[in-house]
Amino acid sequence: MTATAADHWEICLSTLRDTDRDRYLACLLSPAAKRGPLAALYAFNAEIARVRDVVQQPLAGEIRLQWWRDLLEGQEQGESAANPVAAALLETIAAYELPRRTLIDMIDARIFDLYDDPLPDRNALEGYAGETASALIQLAGLVLDAPSAMKASDIAGHAGVAQAIAGLLLLMPSHRRRGQLYVPLDILSATGLDRDRFLSGEADEQAGHAIAALAGLGLDHLAQARKAGTIPPAILAAFLPASLAEPVLRRAASLGSRFFDAPLQPPQWRRQMRMVRTLALKRL
């Protein structure tokens, strides 16, 4: 029996339950007709975001990312049938006329994850976040309601940066253990640190100041997202994952040198309630 688009979207939703629980819950809180297509986008994002975790060498990671790039450029269409996430992504692109260039840029941005090179400054971090988290919000908005998404691009841009920084803070302990750094060097320099001293764990008092500055940057973008306007109700569901950023950013900013020893992530039930509250209040 040939699988339909609905079958592929349902598989993505099921997969997302294990790979990205928050976005899985965001899908369930979205309009029923859009859950599958949103799950396709989010499952694709989960696939490219976890490449560093499933390979031992950067070259192997680049090969995985190139497969997705080739798929979007039309060079691997025949192989997509064997990959439900790939098939669902192509079906979603076709159904909602999504820009392939944005998706390709998301893939290219993930090449940075494969290496241990530092981000030179805040602009580089904002660019990385813009091509990953912000782009995903914008694509989800296009699925929900394209005209509304176009009006809210500035909100999506800032909200995505805040969300990306919160995500990096959550992953920072594991990143530091493997020698990976997402704190921009200009922030480290302002606190008297360099890459090696931050990663060594020997200067956690100063590291706490750097983390607070990074969290502050995320909070600033969240404030700018709120100032940029009101999120159109038709695409509010696209912002549900980003609504989880604020508690993480505020806790990271307050922990100081205790950052690496204290839990940062709110429990699942609190995250779910925050998304429900966002829908009720109709704002981030």
Protein backbone atom coordinates (compact mmCIF):
# COMPACT_ATOMS: atom_id res chain seq x y z
CA MET A 1 0.00 0.00 0.00
CA THR A 2 1.35 3.40 -0.97
CA ALA A 3 1.78 5.83 1.92
CA THR A 4 -0.10 9.11 1.63
CA ALA A 5 0.94 12.58 2.74
CA ALA A 6 -1.31 12.16 5.79
CA ASP A 7 0.52 8.92 6.66
CA HIS A 8 3.90 10.63 6.44
CA TRP A 9 2.74 13.57 8.54
CA GLU A 10 1.37 11.21 11.18
CA ILE A 11 4.70 9.36 11.31
CA CYS A 12 6.46 12.69 11.83
CA LEU A 13 4.15 13.56 14.69
CA SER A 14 4.84 10.20 16.30
CA THR A 15 8.61 10.61 15.80
CA LEU A 16 8.53 14.08 17.25
CA ARG A 17 7.15 12.72 20.51
CA ASP A 18 10.58 11.19 21.12
CA THR A 19 12.90 13.69 19.45
CA ASP A 20 11.40 17.05 20.48
CA ARG A 21 8.67 16.78 23.10
CA ASP A 22 8.05 20.51 23.38
CA ARG A 23 7.40 20.94 19.66
CA TYR A 24 5.32 17.76 19.71
CA LEU A 25 3.09 19.36 22.34
CA ALA A 26 3.05 22.58 20.33
CA CYS A 27 1.72 20.58 17.38
CA LEU A 28 -1.07 19.14 19.53
CA LEU A 29 -2.05 22.68 20.52
CA SER A 30 -2.14 23.77 16.87
CA PRO A 31 -5.15 23.58 14.53
CA ALA A 32 -5.83 19.92 13.76
CA ALA A 33 -5.45 20.32 10.00
CA LYS A 34 -1.97 21.83 10.41
CA ARG A 35 -0.50 19.39 12.97
CA GLY A 36 0.98 17.01 10.41
CA PRO A 37 2.65 19.66 8.24
CA LEU A 38 4.04 21.40 11.33
CA ALA A 39 5.32 18.05 12.59
CA ALA A 40 7.10 17.54 9.26
CA LEU A 41 8.97 20.84 9.69
CA TYR A 42 9.79 20.15 13.31
CA ALA A 43 10.90 16.56 12.64
CA PHE A 44 13.19 17.81 9.87
CA ASN A 45 14.62 20.37 12.26
CA ALA A 46 15.20 17.65 14.88
CA GLU A 47 17.02 15.54 12.30
CA ILE A 48 19.50 18.23 11.28
CA ALA A 49 19.91 19.57 14.83
CA ARG A 50 21.03 16.21 16.22
CA VAL A 51 23.60 15.33 13.56
CA ARG A 52 26.54 16.24 15.83
CA ASP A 53 25.16 13.82 18.44
CA VAL A 54 25.02 10.82 16.11
CA VAL A 55 28.34 11.08 14.27
CA GLN A 56 31.92 10.74 15.46
CA GLN A 57 33.59 12.86 12.80
CA PRO A 58 32.59 16.17 11.22
CA LEU A 59 32.90 14.75 7.70
CA ALA A 60 30.25 12.14 8.46
CA GLY A 61 28.01 14.92 9.70
CA GLU A 62 28.58 16.96 6.57
CA ILE A 63 27.60 13.95 4.47
CA ARG A 64 24.33 13.62 6.39
CA LEU A 65 23.56 17.31 5.96
CA GLN A 66 24.48 17.17 2.28
CA TRP A 67 21.89 14.41 1.79
CA TRP A 68 19.19 16.78 3.03
CA ARG A 69 20.58 19.57 0.89
CA ASP A 70 20.51 17.34 -2.19
CA LEU A 71 16.94 16.35 -1.35
CA LEU A 72 15.81 19.97 -1.31
CA GLU A 73 17.70 20.70 -4.51
CA GLY A 74 15.92 17.81 -6.25
CA GLN A 75 18.85 15.40 -6.44
CA GLU A 76 17.59 12.71 -4.01
CA GLN A 77 13.88 12.61 -4.78
CA GLY A 78 13.82 8.87 -5.42
CA GLU A 79 15.26 8.11 -1.98
CA SER A 80 12.73 10.17 -0.07
CA ALA A 81 10.14 7.38 -0.16
CA ALA A 82 12.29 5.35 2.23
CA ASN A 83 12.49 8.24 4.69
CA PRO A 84 9.08 9.33 6.03
CA VAL A 85 10.46 12.62 7.38
CA ALA A 86 11.96 13.48 4.01
CA ALA A 87 8.75 12.52 2.20
CA ALA A 88 6.65 14.55 4.64
CA LEU A 89 8.93 17.56 4.26
CA LEU A 90 8.65 17.51 0.47
CA GLU A 91 4.87 17.12 0.71
CA THR A 92 4.68 20.06 3.11
CA ILE A 93 6.85 22.22 0.85
CA ALA A 94 4.59 21.45 -2.08
CA ALA A 95 1.33 21.93 -0.20
CA TYR A 96 2.29 25.29 1.32
CA GLU A 97 4.76 26.58 -1.27
CA LEU A 98 7.52 26.91 1.32
CA PRO A 99 10.81 28.54 0.25
CA ARG A 100 13.41 25.83 -0.23
CA ARG A 101 16.20 28.40 0.10
CA THR A 102 15.24 29.01 3.72
CA LEU A 103 15.38 25.30 4.45
CA ILE A 104 18.74 24.96 2.71
CA ASP A 105 20.09 27.85 4.76
CA MET A 106 18.93 26.02 7.89
CA ILE A 107 20.97 23.01 6.82
CA ASP A 108 24.04 25.09 6.02
CA ALA A 109 23.86 26.82 9.41
CA ARG A 110 24.05 23.41 11.10
CA ILE A 111 27.51 22.80 9.65
CA PHE A 112 28.77 25.06 12.42
CA ASP A 113 27.51 22.52 14.98
CA LEU A 114 29.87 19.87 13.63
CA TYR A 115 33.03 21.72 14.60
CA ASP A 116 34.42 23.34 17.74
CA ASP A 117 35.09 26.76 16.24
CA PRO A 118 33.88 29.64 18.44
CA LEU A 119 31.42 32.32 17.45
CA PRO A 120 33.41 35.57 17.12
CA ASP A 121 30.70 37.96 18.29
CA ARG A 122 27.03 38.58 19.00
CA ASN A 123 26.28 39.22 15.34
CA ALA A 124 27.49 35.74 14.44
CA LEU A 125 25.30 34.20 17.14
CA GLU A 126 22.28 36.20 15.99
CA GLY A 127 22.91 35.12 12.41
CA TYR A 128 23.10 31.46 13.45
CA ALA A 129 19.89 31.79 15.47
CA GLY A 130 18.18 33.63 12.64
CA GLU A 131 18.89 30.86 10.14
CA THR A 132 17.78 28.11 12.54
CA ALA A 133 15.19 28.97 15.22
CA SER A 134 13.84 32.17 13.63
CA ALA A 135 13.54 30.53 10.23
CA LEU A 136 11.63 27.61 11.73
CA ILE A 137 9.10 29.97 13.34
CA GLN A 138 8.65 31.78 10.04
CA LEU A 139 8.17 28.51 8.12
CA ALA A 140 5.65 27.28 10.68
CA GLY A 141 3.83 30.59 10.29
CA LEU A 142 3.65 30.10 6.52
CA VAL A 143 2.01 26.73 7.08
CA LEU A 144 -0.53 28.23 9.48
CA ASP A 145 -1.35 31.39 7.50
CA ALA A 146 1.06 32.86 4.97
CA PRO A 147 -0.26 36.46 4.90
CA SER A 148 -0.10 36.69 8.70
CA ALA A 149 3.39 35.19 8.74
CA MET A 150 4.67 37.84 6.36
CA LYS A 151 3.38 40.56 8.68
CA ALA A 152 5.09 39.04 11.72
CA SER A 153 8.58 38.42 10.32
CA ASP A 154 10.26 40.86 12.74
CA ILE A 155 8.55 39.24 15.73
CA ALA A 156 9.64 35.81 14.51
CA GLY A 157 13.20 37.02 14.02
CA HIS A 158 13.64 38.28 17.56
CA ALA A 159 11.64 35.47 19.17
CA GLY A 160 13.79 32.91 17.37
CA VAL A 161 17.02 34.44 18.67
CA ALA A 162 15.65 34.37 22.22
CA GLN A 163 14.56 30.76 21.76
CA ALA A 164 17.90 29.70 20.27
CA ILE A 165 19.87 31.27 23.13
CA ALA A 166 17.64 29.52 25.68
CA GLY A 167 18.26 26.24 23.89
CA LEU A 168 22.01 26.77 23.85
CA LEU A 169 21.97 27.54 27.58
CA LEU A 170 20.11 24.29 28.25
CA LEU A 171 22.72 22.35 26.26
CA MET A 172 25.74 24.28 27.50
CA PRO A 173 26.90 21.73 30.10
CA SER A 174 27.05 18.96 27.50
CA HIS A 175 28.59 21.33 24.95
CA ARG A 176 31.31 22.27 27.41
CA ARG A 177 32.10 18.63 28.16
CA ARG A 178 32.84 18.00 24.49
CA GLY A 179 34.75 21.24 23.93
CA GLN A 180 32.05 23.08 22.01
CA LEU A 181 31.39 26.78 22.59
CA TYR A 182 28.39 28.93 21.69
CA VAL A 183 29.15 31.90 23.95
CA PRO A 184 30.44 34.60 21.56
CA LEU A 185 34.07 35.54 22.08
CA ASP A 186 33.24 39.23 22.55
CA ILE A 187 31.06 38.30 25.56
CA LEU A 188 33.82 36.11 26.97
CA SER A 189 36.40 38.84 26.46
CA ALA A 190 34.25 41.36 28.32
CA THR A 191 34.33 39.07 31.37
CA GLY A 192 38.07 38.42 31.16
CA LEU A 193 37.79 34.96 29.66
CA ASP A 194 38.88 33.21 26.50
CA ARG A 195 37.62 29.98 24.96
CA ASP A 196 40.00 27.65 26.81
CA ARG A 197 39.44 29.15 30.26
CA PHE A 198 35.67 29.01 29.86
CA LEU A 199 35.73 25.38 28.74
CA SER A 200 38.18 24.33 31.46
CA GLY A 201 35.75 25.11 34.26
CA GLU A 202 38.48 26.80 36.26
CA ALA A 203 36.89 30.26 36.20
CA ASP A 204 33.22 29.62 36.86
CA GLU A 205 32.75 32.94 38.67
CA GLN A 206 33.66 34.77 35.48
CA ALA A 207 31.84 32.15 33.42
CA GLY A 208 28.70 32.98 35.39
CA HIS A 209 29.02 36.61 34.32
CA ALA A 210 29.40 35.52 30.69
CA ILE A 211 26.34 33.27 30.94
CA ALA A 212 24.33 36.09 32.51
CA ALA A 213 25.34 38.36 29.62
CA LEU A 214 24.30 35.72 27.09
CA ALA A 215 20.96 35.23 28.85
CA GLY A 216 20.55 39.00 28.91
CA LEU A 217 21.01 39.10 25.15
CA GLY A 218 18.22 36.54 24.82
CA LEU A 219 15.94 38.55 27.10
CA ASP A 220 16.67 41.68 25.08
CA HIS A 221 15.55 39.94 21.89
CA LEU A 222 12.44 38.68 23.65
CA ALA A 223 11.64 42.25 24.68
CA GLN A 224 12.19 43.39 21.09
CA ALA A 225 9.86 40.66 19.84
CA ARG A 226 7.14 41.95 22.14
CA LYS A 227 7.73 45.53 21.05
CA ALA A 228 7.64 44.56 17.36
CA GLY A 229 3.88 44.12 17.44
CA THR A 230 1.07 41.71 18.18
CA ILE A 231 1.31 38.18 16.87
CA PRO A 232 -1.60 37.53 14.48
CA PRO A 233 -3.91 34.94 16.10
CA ALA A 234 -3.77 32.72 13.01
CA ILE A 235 -0.05 32.02 13.51
CA LEU A 236 0.22 32.15 17.30
CA ALA A 237 0.82 28.39 17.40
CA ALA A 238 4.11 28.89 15.52
CA PHE A 239 5.40 30.84 18.53
CA LEU A 240 4.48 28.29 21.21
CA PRO A 241 7.97 26.71 21.42
CA ALA A 242 9.51 30.18 21.70
CA SER A 243 7.20 30.98 24.61
CA LEU A 244 9.28 28.57 26.71
CA ALA A 245 12.44 30.67 26.43
CA GLU A 246 11.79 33.30 29.10
CA PRO A 247 11.93 31.08 32.24
CA VAL A 248 15.18 29.52 31.03
CA LEU A 249 16.76 32.88 30.23
CA ARG A 250 15.75 34.43 33.56
CA ARG A 251 16.98 31.48 35.60
CA ALA A 252 20.29 31.37 33.72
CA ALA A 253 20.78 35.10 34.33
CA SER A 254 20.22 34.63 38.06
CA LEU A 255 22.34 31.55 38.74
CA GLY A 256 25.78 33.08 38.25
CA SER A 257 28.59 30.65 39.10
CA ARG A 258 26.01 27.99 40.12
CA PHE A 259 24.83 27.66 36.52
CA PHE A 260 26.60 24.35 35.87
CA ASP A 261 25.35 22.76 39.10
CA ALA A 262 21.68 23.78 39.18
CA PRO A 263 18.75 22.55 37.04
CA LEU A 264 17.72 25.01 34.37
CA GLN A 265 14.81 23.40 32.56
CA PRO A 266 11.31 23.75 34.10
CA PRO A 267 9.41 20.46 34.41
CA GLN A 268 7.39 19.26 31.45
CA TRP A 269 4.02 20.11 32.98
CA ARG A 270 5.09 23.71 33.53
CA ARG A 271 6.25 23.99 29.94
CA GLN A 272 2.96 22.59 28.68
CA MET A 273 0.98 24.99 30.88
CA ARG A 274 3.05 27.91 29.63
CA MET A 275 2.17 27.09 26.03
CA VAL A 276 -1.52 26.82 26.94
CA ARG A 277 -1.24 30.18 28.73
CA THR A 278 0.37 31.72 25.65
CA LEU A 279 -2.60 30.64 23.55
CA ALA A 280 -5.04 32.02 26.13
CA LEU A 281 -3.28 35.37 26.47
CA LYS A 282 -2.49 35.55 22.72
CA ARG A 283 1.06 36.81 23.31
CA LEU A 284 4.56 35.59 24.13
